[in-house]
PDB file of N, CA and C in Angstrom:
ATOM      1  N   UNK A   1       1.389 -38.455 -88.433  1.00  0.00           N
ATOM      2  CA  UNK A   1       2.441 -37.640 -88.923  1.00  0.00           C
ATOM      3  C   UNK A   1       3.441 -37.469 -87.941  1.00  0.00           C
ATOM      4  N   UNK A   2       4.793 -37.629 -88.338  1.00  0.00           N
ATOM      5  CA  UNK A   2       5.791 -37.515 -87.209  1.00  0.00           C
ATOM      6  C   UNK A   2       6.300 -35.970 -86.956  1.00  0.00           C
ATOM      7  N   UNK A   3       6.402 -35.651 -85.666  1.00  0.00           N
ATOM      8  CA  UNK A   3       6.881 -34.442 -85.418  1.00  0.00           C
ATOM      9  C   UNK A   3       8.335 -34.237 -85.532  1.00  0.00           C
ATOM     10  N   UNK A   4       8.612 -33.082 -86.179  1.00  0.00           N
ATOM     11  CA  UNK A   4      10.092 -32.556 -86.403  1.00  0.00           C
ATOM     12  C   UNK A   4      10.421 -31.464 -85.442  1.00  0.00           C
ATOM     13  N   UNK A   5      11.636 -31.642 -84.843  1.00  0.00           N
ATOM     14  CA  UNK A   5      11.784 -30.542 -83.965  1.00  0.00           C
ATOM     15  C   UNK A   5      12.051 -29.164 -84.747  1.00  0.00           C
ATOM     16  N   UNK A   6      11.923 -28.010 -84.345  1.00  0.00           N
ATOM     17  CA  UNK A   6      11.899 -26.744 -85.177  1.00  0.00           C
ATOM     18  C   UNK A   6      12.735 -25.758 -83.943  1.00  0.00           C
ATOM     19  N   UNK A   7      13.653 -25.050 -84.620  1.00  0.00           N
ATOM     20  CA  UNK A   7      14.323 -23.942 -84.109  1.00  0.00           C
ATOM     21  C   UNK A   7      13.497 -22.581 -83.714  1.00  0.00           C
ATOM     22  N   UNK A   8      14.055 -21.695 -83.168  1.00  0.00           N
ATOM     23  CA  UNK A   8      13.357 -20.358 -83.057  1.00  0.00           C
ATOM     24  C   UNK A   8      12.976 -19.774 -84.189  1.00  0.00           C
ATOM     25  N   UNK A   9      13.393 -19.867 -85.365  1.00  0.00           N
ATOM     26  CA  UNK A   9      13.050 -19.295 -86.719  1.00  0.00           C
ATOM     27  C   UNK A   9      11.881 -20.354 -87.322  1.00  0.00           C
ATOM     28  N   UNK A  10      11.665 -21.392 -86.667  1.00  0.00           N
ATOM     29  CA  UNK A  10      10.589 -22.422 -87.112  1.00  0.00           C
ATOM     30  C   UNK A  10      11.330 -23.246 -88.200  1.00  0.00           C
ATOM     31  N   UNK A  11      12.423 -23.152 -88.284  1.00  0.00           N
ATOM     32  CA  UNK A  11      13.172 -24.261 -89.345  1.00  0.00           C
ATOM     33  C   UNK A  11      13.450 -25.579 -88.823  1.00  0.00           C
ATOM     34  N   UNK A  12      13.082 -26.596 -89.575  1.00  0.00           N
ATOM     35  CA  UNK A  12      13.392 -27.905 -89.035  1.00  0.00           C
ATOM     36  C   UNK A  12      14.767 -28.144 -88.569  1.00  0.00           C
ATOM     37  N   UNK A  13      15.022 -28.768 -87.447  1.00  0.00           N
ATOM     38  CA  UNK A  13      16.451 -29.128 -87.032  1.00  0.00           C
ATOM     39  C   UNK A  13      16.793 -30.438 -87.648  1.00  0.00           C
ATOM     40  N   UNK A  14      17.649 -30.111 -88.648  1.00  0.00           N
ATOM     41  CA  UNK A  14      18.176 -31.443 -89.371  1.00  0.00           C
ATOM     42  C   UNK A  14      19.743 -31.489 -88.938  1.00  0.00           C
ATOM     43  N   UNK A  15      20.028 -32.168 -87.840  1.00  0.00           N
ATOM     44  CA  UNK A  15      21.441 -32.247 -87.316  1.00  0.00           C
ATOM     45  C   UNK A  15      21.733 -33.322 -86.649  1.00  0.00           C
ATOM     46  N   UNK A  16      22.928 -33.739 -86.228  1.00  0.00           N
ATOM     47  CA  UNK A  16      23.270 -34.667 -85.521  1.00  0.00           C
ATOM     48  C   UNK A  16      23.685 -34.172 -84.282  1.00  0.00           C
ATOM     49  N   UNK A  17      23.220 -34.317 -83.115  1.00  0.00           N
ATOM     50  CA  UNK A  17      23.443 -33.920 -81.638  1.00  0.00           C
ATOM     51  C   UNK A  17      24.481 -34.813 -81.004  1.00  0.00           C
ATOM     52  N   UNK A  18      25.175 -34.179 -80.115  1.00  0.00           N
ATOM     53  CA  UNK A  18      26.222 -34.729 -79.453  1.00  0.00           C
ATOM     54  C   UNK A  18      25.683 -34.895 -77.943  1.00  0.00           C
ATOM     55  N   UNK A  19      25.679 -36.276 -77.584  1.00  0.00           N
ATOM     56  CA  UNK A  19      25.251 -36.394 -76.312  1.00  0.00           C
ATOM     57  C   UNK A  19      25.853 -35.841 -75.142  1.00  0.00           C
ATOM     58  N   UNK A  20      25.409 -35.197 -74.164  1.00  0.00           N
ATOM     59  CA  UNK A  20      26.175 -34.408 -73.091  1.00  0.00           C
ATOM     60  C   UNK A  20      25.830 -35.278 -71.822  1.00  0.00           C
ATOM     61  N   UNK A  21      25.729 -34.721 -70.567  1.00  0.00           N
ATOM     62  CA  UNK A  21      25.570 -35.272 -69.328  1.00  0.00           C
ATOM     63  C   UNK A  21      24.234 -36.078 -69.374  1.00  0.00           C
ATOM     64  N   UNK A  22      24.199 -37.237 -68.497  1.00  0.00           N
ATOM     65  CA  UNK A  22      22.984 -38.002 -68.183  1.00  0.00           C
ATOM     66  C   UNK A  22      22.758 -38.122 -66.935  1.00  0.00           C
ATOM     67  N   UNK A  23      21.375 -38.215 -66.581  1.00  0.00           N
ATOM     68  CA  UNK A  23      20.974 -38.070 -65.252  1.00  0.00           C
ATOM     69  C   UNK A  23      19.829 -39.476 -65.083  1.00  0.00           C
ATOM     70  N   UNK A  24      19.792 -39.943 -64.033  1.00  0.00           N
ATOM     71  CA  UNK A  24      18.620 -40.931 -63.636  1.00  0.00           C
ATOM     72  C   UNK A  24      17.675 -40.381 -62.761  1.00  0.00           C
ATOM     73  N   UNK A  25      16.480 -40.561 -62.928  1.00  0.00           N
ATOM     74  CA  UNK A  25      15.404 -40.195 -61.922  1.00  0.00           C
ATOM     75  C   UNK A  25      14.813 -41.427 -61.294  1.00  0.00           C
ATOM     76  N   UNK A  26      14.791 -41.610 -60.165  1.00  0.00           N
ATOM     77  CA  UNK A  26      13.993 -42.716 -59.716  1.00  0.00           C
ATOM     78  C   UNK A  26      12.504 -42.364 -59.645  1.00  0.00           C
ATOM     79  N   UNK A  27      11.734 -43.087 -60.350  1.00  0.00           N
ATOM     80  CA  UNK A  27      10.281 -43.216 -60.413  1.00  0.00           C
ATOM     81  C   UNK A  27       9.437 -43.893 -59.504  1.00  0.00           C
ATOM     82  N   UNK A  28       8.670 -43.113 -58.897  1.00  0.00           N
ATOM     83  CA  UNK A  28       7.922 -44.067 -57.924  1.00  0.00           C
ATOM     84  C   UNK A  28       6.540 -43.271 -57.677  1.00  0.00           C
ATOM     85  N   UNK A  29       5.738 -43.404 -56.764  1.00  0.00           N
ATOM     86  CA  UNK A  29       4.458 -42.834 -56.633  1.00  0.00           C
ATOM     87  C   UNK A  29       4.573 -41.378 -55.985  1.00  0.00           C
ATOM     88  N   UNK A  30       5.891 -40.921 -55.581  1.00  0.00           N
ATOM     89  CA  UNK A  30       5.972 -39.594 -55.407  1.00  0.00           C
ATOM     90  C   UNK A  30       6.935 -38.825 -56.365  1.00  0.00           C
ATOM     91  N   UNK A  31       6.582 -37.557 -56.792  1.00  0.00           N
ATOM     92  CA  UNK A  31       7.366 -36.859 -57.829  1.00  0.00           C
ATOM     93  C   UNK A  31       8.871 -37.005 -57.491  1.00  0.00           C
ATOM     94  N   UNK A  32       9.666 -37.118 -58.503  1.00  0.00           N
ATOM     95  CA  UNK A  32      11.061 -36.717 -58.178  1.00  0.00           C
ATOM     96  C   UNK A  32      11.445 -36.044 -59.436  1.00  0.00           C
ATOM     97  N   UNK A  33      12.741 -35.380 -59.474  1.00  0.00           N
ATOM     98  CA  UNK A  33      13.232 -34.568 -60.544  1.00  0.00           C
ATOM     99  C   UNK A  33      14.593 -34.923 -60.631  1.00  0.00           C
ATOM    100  N   UNK A  34      15.212 -34.366 -61.831  1.00  0.00           N
ATOM    101  CA  UNK A  34      16.671 -34.394 -61.910  1.00  0.00           C
ATOM    102  C   UNK A  34      17.364 -33.630 -60.770  1.00  0.00           C
ATOM    103  N   UNK A  35      18.400 -34.140 -60.555  1.00  0.00           N
ATOM    104  CA  UNK A  35      19.153 -33.393 -59.342  1.00  0.00           C
ATOM    105  C   UNK A  35      19.813 -32.235 -59.477  1.00  0.00           C
ATOM    106  N   UNK A  36      20.369 -32.111 -60.881  1.00  0.00           N
ATOM    107  CA  UNK A  36      21.046 -30.742 -61.144  1.00  0.00           C
ATOM    108  C   UNK A  36      20.243 -30.299 -62.596  1.00  0.00           C
ATOM    109  N   UNK A  37      20.555 -29.041 -62.511  1.00  0.00           N
ATOM    110  CA  UNK A  37      19.904 -28.402 -63.794  1.00  0.00           C
ATOM    111  C   UNK A  37      20.558 -28.681 -65.438  1.00  0.00           C
ATOM    112  N   UNK A  38      19.953 -28.638 -66.068  1.00  0.00           N
ATOM    113  CA  UNK A  38      20.754 -28.931 -67.381  1.00  0.00           C
ATOM    114  C   UNK A  38      21.637 -27.852 -67.701  1.00  0.00           C
ATOM    115  N   UNK A  39      22.505 -28.344 -68.541  1.00  0.00           N
ATOM    116  CA  UNK A  39      23.511 -27.248 -68.925  1.00  0.00           C
ATOM    117  C   UNK A  39      22.874 -26.077 -69.900  1.00  0.00           C
ATOM    118  N   UNK A  40      23.483 -24.894 -69.721  1.00  0.00           N
ATOM    119  CA  UNK A  40      22.829 -23.734 -70.279  1.00  0.00           C
ATOM    120  C   UNK A  40      22.647 -23.749 -72.037  1.00  0.00           C
ATOM    121  N   UNK A  41      23.648 -24.586 -72.534  1.00  0.00           N
ATOM    122  CA  UNK A  41      23.398 -24.921 -74.028  1.00  0.00           C
ATOM    123  C   UNK A  41      22.533 -26.122 -74.242  1.00  0.00           C
ATOM    124  N   UNK A  42      22.091 -26.797 -73.441  1.00  0.00           N
ATOM    125  CA  UNK A  42      21.138 -27.812 -73.914  1.00  0.00           C
ATOM    126  C   UNK A  42      19.723 -27.425 -74.227  1.00  0.00           C
ATOM    127  N   UNK A  43      19.437 -27.818 -75.557  1.00  0.00           N
ATOM    128  CA  UNK A  43      17.938 -27.463 -76.095  1.00  0.00           C
ATOM    129  C   UNK A  43      17.165 -28.801 -76.103  1.00  0.00           C
ATOM    130  N   UNK A  44      17.864 -29.954 -76.156  1.00  0.00           N
ATOM    131  CA  UNK A  44      17.155 -30.938 -76.667  1.00  0.00           C
ATOM    132  C   UNK A  44      17.422 -32.094 -75.496  1.00  0.00           C
ATOM    133  N   UNK A  45      16.568 -32.911 -74.979  1.00  0.00           N
ATOM    134  CA  UNK A  45      16.802 -34.083 -74.032  1.00  0.00           C
ATOM    135  C   UNK A  45      16.311 -35.267 -74.881  1.00  0.00           C
ATOM    136  N   UNK A  46      16.904 -36.365 -74.571  1.00  0.00           N
ATOM    137  CA  UNK A  46      16.382 -37.668 -74.938  1.00  0.00           C
ATOM    138  C   UNK A  46      15.941 -38.364 -73.322  1.00  0.00           C
ATOM    139  N   UNK A  47      14.682 -39.069 -73.560  1.00  0.00           N
ATOM    140  CA  UNK A  47      14.322 -39.588 -72.284  1.00  0.00           C
ATOM    141  C   UNK A  47      13.990 -41.162 -72.490  1.00  0.00           C
ATOM    142  N   UNK A  48      14.097 -41.946 -71.653  1.00  0.00           N
ATOM    143  CA  UNK A  48      13.782 -43.437 -71.798  1.00  0.00           C
ATOM    144  C   UNK A  48      13.409 -43.850 -70.412  1.00  0.00           C
ATOM    145  N   UNK A  49      12.252 -44.468 -70.483  1.00  0.00           N
ATOM    146  CA  UNK A  49      11.994 -45.036 -68.909  1.00  0.00           C
ATOM    147  C   UNK A  49      11.631 -46.530 -68.988  1.00  0.00           C
ATOM    148  N   UNK A  50      11.951 -47.050 -67.750  1.00  0.00           N
ATOM    149  CA  UNK A  50      11.882 -48.582 -67.607  1.00  0.00           C
ATOM    150  C   UNK A  50      10.396 -48.829 -67.166  1.00  0.00           C
ATOM    151  N   UNK A  51       9.642 -47.956 -66.661  1.00  0.00           N
ATOM    152  CA  UNK A  51       8.011 -47.968 -66.468  1.00  0.00           C
ATOM    153  C   UNK A  51       7.581 -46.928 -67.207  1.00  0.00           C
ATOM    154  N   UNK A  52       6.038 -47.081 -67.327  1.00  0.00           N
ATOM    155  CA  UNK A  52       5.013 -46.068 -67.728  1.00  0.00           C
ATOM    156  C   UNK A  52       5.280 -44.936 -66.863  1.00  0.00           C
ATOM    157  N   UNK A  53       5.378 -43.624 -67.033  1.00  0.00           N
ATOM    158  CA  UNK A  53       5.424 -42.491 -66.103  1.00  0.00           C
ATOM    159  C   UNK A  53       4.860 -41.322 -66.737  1.00  0.00           C
ATOM    160  N   UNK A  54       4.682 -40.263 -65.955  1.00  0.00           N
ATOM    161  CA  UNK A  54       4.190 -39.121 -66.360  1.00  0.00           C
ATOM    162  C   UNK A  54       5.362 -38.038 -66.219  1.00  0.00           C
ATOM    163  N   UNK A  55       5.743 -37.071 -67.085  1.00  0.00           N
ATOM    164  CA  UNK A  55       6.762 -36.171 -67.007  1.00  0.00           C
ATOM    165  C   UNK A  55       6.222 -34.702 -67.166  1.00  0.00           C
ATOM    166  N   UNK A  56       6.979 -33.793 -66.449  1.00  0.00           N
ATOM    167  CA  UNK A  56       6.788 -32.417 -66.626  1.00  0.00           C
ATOM    168  C   UNK A  56       8.043 -31.620 -66.544  1.00  0.00           C
ATOM    169  N   UNK A  57       8.266 -30.814 -67.733  1.00  0.00           N
ATOM    170  CA  UNK A  57       9.467 -29.879 -67.635  1.00  0.00           C
ATOM    171  C   UNK A  57       9.365 -28.597 -66.619  1.00  0.00           C
ATOM    172  N   UNK A  58      10.266 -28.172 -66.109  1.00  0.00           N
ATOM    173  CA  UNK A  58      10.166 -26.939 -65.427  1.00  0.00           C
ATOM    174  C   UNK A  58      11.413 -26.482 -64.804  1.00  0.00           C
ATOM    175  N   UNK A  59      11.491 -25.769 -63.499  1.00  0.00           N
ATOM    176  CA  UNK A  59      12.900 -25.363 -63.156  1.00  0.00           C
ATOM    177  C   UNK A  59      13.023 -26.235 -61.736  1.00  0.00           C
ATOM    178  N   UNK A  60      13.756 -25.867 -60.924  1.00  0.00           N
ATOM    179  CA  UNK A  60      14.098 -26.674 -59.714  1.00  0.00           C
ATOM    180  C   UNK A  60      12.866 -26.828 -58.864  1.00  0.00           C
ATOM    181  N   UNK A  61      12.051 -26.451 -58.866  1.00  0.00           N
ATOM    182  CA  UNK A  61      10.773 -26.698 -58.235  1.00  0.00           C
ATOM    183  C   UNK A  61       9.555 -27.608 -58.915  1.00  0.00           C
ATOM    184  N   UNK A  62       9.968 -27.935 -60.185  1.00  0.00           N
ATOM    185  CA  UNK A  62       9.170 -28.733 -61.024  1.00  0.00           C
ATOM    186  C   UNK A  62       8.354 -29.849 -60.254  1.00  0.00           C
ATOM    187  N   UNK A  63       7.056 -30.224 -60.239  1.00  0.00           N
ATOM    188  CA  UNK A  63       6.654 -31.208 -59.600  1.00  0.00           C
ATOM    189  C   UNK A  63       5.752 -31.927 -60.775  1.00  0.00           C
ATOM    190  N   UNK A  64       5.839 -33.437 -60.807  1.00  0.00           N
ATOM    191  CA  UNK A  64       5.141 -34.083 -61.895  1.00  0.00           C
ATOM    192  C   UNK A  64       3.665 -34.528 -61.268  1.00  0.00           C
ATOM    193  N   UNK A  65       2.640 -34.722 -61.960  1.00  0.00           N
ATOM    194  CA  UNK A  65       1.522 -35.258 -61.599  1.00  0.00           C
ATOM    195  C   UNK A  65       1.015 -36.017 -62.783  1.00  0.00           C
ATOM    196  N   UNK A  66      -0.067 -36.922 -62.426  1.00  0.00           N
ATOM    197  CA  UNK A  66      -0.632 -37.841 -63.583  1.00  0.00           C
ATOM    198  C   UNK A  66      -0.984 -37.001 -64.762  1.00  0.00           C
ATOM    199  N   UNK A  67      -1.298 -35.706 -64.619  1.00  0.00           N
ATOM    200  CA  UNK A  67      -1.714 -35.036 -65.783  1.00  0.00           C
ATOM    201  C   UNK A  67      -0.589 -34.351 -66.636  1.00  0.00           C
ATOM    202  N   UNK A  68       0.802 -35.002 -66.436  1.00  0.00           N
ATOM    203  CA  UNK A  68       1.794 -34.758 -67.318  1.00  0.00           C
ATOM    204  C   UNK A  68       1.826 -35.442 -68.404  1.00  0.00           C
ATOM    205  N   UNK A  69       2.845 -35.233 -69.158  1.00  0.00           N
ATOM    206  CA  UNK A  69       3.037 -35.988 -70.581  1.00  0.00           C
ATOM    207  C   UNK A  69       3.224 -37.374 -70.192  1.00  0.00           C
ATOM    208  N   UNK A  70       2.618 -38.280 -70.917  1.00  0.00           N
ATOM    209  CA  UNK A  70       2.571 -39.751 -70.650  1.00  0.00           C
ATOM    210  C   UNK A  70       3.835 -40.283 -71.304  1.00  0.00           C
ATOM    211  N   UNK A  71       4.805 -40.848 -70.702  1.00  0.00           N
ATOM    212  CA  UNK A  71       6.058 -41.387 -71.089  1.00  0.00           C
ATOM    213  C   UNK A  71       6.002 -42.899 -71.090  1.00  0.00           C
ATOM    214  N   UNK A  72       6.098 -43.553 -72.238  1.00  0.00           N
ATOM    215  CA  UNK A  72       5.874 -45.111 -72.366  1.00  0.00           C
ATOM    216  C   UNK A  72       7.154 -45.921 -71.751  1.00  0.00           C
ATOM    217  N   UNK A  73       7.132 -46.899 -71.400  1.00  0.00           N
ATOM    218  CA  UNK A  73       8.337 -47.649 -71.047  1.00  0.00           C
ATOM    219  C   UNK A  73       8.841 -48.167 -72.309  1.00  0.00           C
ATOM    220  N   UNK A  74      10.229 -48.012 -72.118  1.00  0.00           N
ATOM    221  CA  UNK A  74      11.217 -48.901 -73.126  1.00  0.00           C
ATOM    222  C   UNK A  74      11.219 -47.999 -74.359  1.00  0.00           C
ATOM    223  N   UNK A  75      10.578 -46.908 -74.532  1.00  0.00           N
ATOM    224  CA  UNK A  75      10.765 -46.053 -75.906  1.00  0.00           C
ATOM    225  C   UNK A  75      11.399 -44.847 -75.607  1.00  0.00           C
ATOM    226  N   UNK A  76      12.223 -44.576 -76.325  1.00  0.00           N
ATOM    227  CA  UNK A  76      13.326 -43.435 -76.438  1.00  0.00           C
ATOM    228  C   UNK A  76      12.404 -42.232 -76.991  1.00  0.00           C
ATOM    229  N   UNK A  77      12.382 -41.143 -76.297  1.00  0.00           N
ATOM    230  CA  UNK A  77      11.722 -39.991 -76.877  1.00  0.00           C
ATOM    231  C   UNK A  77      12.525 -38.792 -76.762  1.00  0.00           C
ATOM    232  N   UNK A  78      12.483 -37.928 -77.664  1.00  0.00           N
ATOM    233  CA  UNK A  78      13.327 -36.681 -77.741  1.00  0.00           C
ATOM    234  C   UNK A  78      12.317 -35.336 -77.678  1.00  0.00           C
ATOM    235  N   UNK A  79      12.906 -34.538 -76.696  1.00  0.00           N
ATOM    236  CA  UNK A  79      11.923 -33.388 -76.450  1.00  0.00           C
ATOM    237  C   UNK A  79      12.901 -32.214 -76.730  1.00  0.00           C
ATOM    238  N   UNK A  80      12.351 -31.110 -77.290  1.00  0.00           N
ATOM    239  CA  UNK A  80      13.046 -29.756 -77.133  1.00  0.00           C
ATOM    240  C   UNK A  80      12.479 -29.187 -75.793  1.00  0.00           C
ATOM    241  N   UNK A  81      13.382 -28.599 -75.025  1.00  0.00           N
ATOM    242  CA  UNK A  81      13.030 -28.031 -73.753  1.00  0.00           C
ATOM    243  C   UNK A  81      12.386 -26.811 -73.827  1.00  0.00           C
ATOM    244  N   UNK A  82      11.215 -26.725 -73.131  1.00  0.00           N
ATOM    245  CA  UNK A  82      10.449 -25.527 -73.182  1.00  0.00           C
ATOM    246  C   UNK A  82      11.349 -24.458 -72.699  1.00  0.00           C
ATOM    247  N   UNK A  83      10.747 -23.095 -73.066  1.00  0.00           N
ATOM    248  CA  UNK A  83      11.703 -21.978 -72.473  1.00  0.00           C
ATOM    249  C   UNK A  83      11.836 -21.990 -70.961  1.00  0.00           C
ATOM    250  N   UNK A  84      12.983 -21.756 -70.516  1.00  0.00           N
ATOM    251  CA  UNK A  84      12.939 -21.645 -69.033  1.00  0.00           C
ATOM    252  C   UNK A  84      13.203 -23.032 -68.286  1.00  0.00           C
ATOM    253  N   UNK A  85      12.660 -24.027 -68.990  1.00  0.00           N
ATOM    254  CA  UNK A  85      13.082 -25.315 -68.434  1.00  0.00           C
ATOM    255  C   UNK A  85      14.389 -25.976 -67.992  1.00  0.00           C
ATOM    256  N   UNK A  86      14.709 -26.191 -66.894  1.00  0.00           N
ATOM    257  CA  UNK A  86      16.068 -26.679 -66.507  1.00  0.00           C
ATOM    258  C   UNK A  86      16.009 -27.980 -65.846  1.00  0.00           C
ATOM    259  N   UNK A  87      14.879 -28.476 -65.753  1.00  0.00           N
ATOM    260  CA  UNK A  87      14.935 -29.865 -64.943  1.00  0.00           C
ATOM    261  C   UNK A  87      13.536 -30.630 -65.606  1.00  0.00           C
ATOM    262  N   UNK A  88      13.796 -31.925 -65.385  1.00  0.00           N
ATOM    263  CA  UNK A  88      12.397 -32.906 -65.726  1.00  0.00           C
ATOM    264  C   UNK A  88      11.902 -33.334 -64.477  1.00  0.00           C
ATOM    265  N   UNK A  89      10.703 -33.481 -64.102  1.00  0.00           N
ATOM    266  CA  UNK A  89      10.159 -34.545 -63.024  1.00  0.00           C
ATOM    267  C   UNK A  89       9.390 -35.596 -63.547  1.00  0.00           C
ATOM    268  N   UNK A  90       9.213 -36.602 -62.779  1.00  0.00           N
ATOM    269  CA  UNK A  90       8.418 -37.913 -63.160  1.00  0.00           C
ATOM    270  C   UNK A  90       7.674 -38.421 -61.979  1.00  0.00           C
ATOM    271  N   UNK A  91       6.583 -39.083 -62.447  1.00  0.00           N
ATOM    272  CA  UNK A  91       5.847 -39.683 -61.400  1.00  0.00           C
ATOM    273  C   UNK A  91       5.276 -41.046 -61.934  1.00  0.00           C
ATOM    274  N   UNK A  92       5.190 -42.193 -61.369  1.00  0.00           N
ATOM    275  CA  UNK A  92       4.660 -43.539 -61.848  1.00  0.00           C
ATOM    276  C   UNK A  92       3.439 -43.486 -62.315  1.00  0.00           C
ATOM    277  N   UNK A  93       2.966 -44.218 -63.335  1.00  0.00           N
ATOM    278  CA  UNK A  93       1.679 -44.628 -63.622  1.00  0.00           C
ATOM    279  C   UNK A  93       1.138 -45.644 -62.908  1.00  0.00           C
ATOM    280  N   UNK A  94       1.858 -46.599 -62.606  1.00  0.00           N
ATOM    281  CA  UNK A  94       1.298 -47.688 -61.723  1.00  0.00           C
ATOM    282  C   UNK A  94       2.459 -48.510 -61.169  1.00  0.00           C
ATOM    283  N   UNK A  95       3.716 -48.410 -61.634  1.00  0.00           N
ATOM    284  CA  UNK A  95       5.000 -48.927 -60.853  1.00  0.00           C
ATOM    285  C   UNK A  95       5.989 -48.468 -61.027  1.00  0.00           C
ATOM    286  N   UNK A  96       6.954 -48.448 -59.947  1.00  0.00           N
ATOM    287  CA  UNK A  96       8.227 -47.710 -59.946  1.00  0.00           C
ATOM    288  C   UNK A  96       9.204 -48.165 -60.987  1.00  0.00           C
ATOM    289  N   UNK A  97      10.355 -47.297 -61.375  1.00  0.00           N
ATOM    290  CA  UNK A  97      11.496 -47.741 -62.338  1.00  0.00           C
ATOM    291  C   UNK A  97      12.254 -46.649 -62.335  1.00  0.00           C
ATOM    292  N   UNK A  98      12.991 -46.211 -63.632  1.00  0.00           N
ATOM    293  CA  UNK A  98      14.025 -45.249 -63.555  1.00  0.00           C
ATOM    294  C   UNK A  98      13.680 -44.582 -65.011  1.00  0.00           C
ATOM    295  N   UNK A  99      13.847 -43.289 -64.959  1.00  0.00           N
ATOM    296  CA  UNK A  99      13.865 -42.289 -66.024  1.00  0.00           C
ATOM    297  C   UNK A  99      15.137 -42.014 -66.574  1.00  0.00           C
ATOM    298  N   UNK A 100      15.746 -42.284 -67.528  1.00  0.00           N
ATOM    299  CA  UNK A 100      16.905 -41.935 -68.187  1.00  0.00           C
ATOM    300  C   UNK A 100      16.946 -40.615 -68.828  1.00  0.00           C
ATOM    301  N   UNK A 101      17.697 -39.632 -68.514  1.00  0.00           N
ATOM    302  CA  UNK A 101      17.733 -38.216 -69.060  1.00  0.00           C
ATOM    303  C   UNK A 101      19.118 -37.969 -69.653  1.00  0.00           C
ATOM    304  N   UNK A 102      18.935 -37.844 -71.011  1.00  0.00           N
ATOM    305  CA  UNK A 102      20.485 -37.328 -71.785  1.00  0.00           C
ATOM    306  C   UNK A 102      20.238 -36.213 -72.317  1.00  0.00           C
ATOM    307  N   UNK A 103      21.127 -35.047 -71.961  1.00  0.00           N
ATOM    308  CA  UNK A 103      21.167 -33.961 -72.557  1.00  0.00           C
ATOM    309  C   UNK A 103      21.858 -33.939 -73.904  1.00  0.00           C
ATOM    310  N   UNK A 104      21.528 -32.900 -74.806  1.00  0.00           N
ATOM    311  CA  UNK A 104      22.051 -33.219 -76.148  1.00  0.00           C
ATOM    312  C   UNK A 104      22.345 -32.066 -76.522  1.00  0.00           C
ATOM    313  N   UNK A 105      23.453 -31.983 -77.445  1.00  0.00           N
ATOM    314  CA  UNK A 105      23.733 -30.433 -77.975  1.00  0.00           C
ATOM    315  C   UNK A 105      24.107 -30.597 -79.387  1.00  0.00           C
TER     316      UNK A 105
END
């Protein structure tokens, strides 16, 4: 069953998002995170990775581990930001690559 993003009132979000800033995170065997905080009006991010990796959302100190969300290579995924999340961190599953992060408004 597909998951649908919901707002604070638990209503399905049926709208077109406008792409905002994007950042790339170099994915390696050491955790790395987005260089700057997401804009305050960003609620959704679109991620695409060139390699299988694990991701974790958090603040400027967020650290990714292999216990994080598994992000497949070459597949675009949309995430609603958890409360308080201002950055995303990534770590490789087996080889290095790049995680593209696009903020959506």
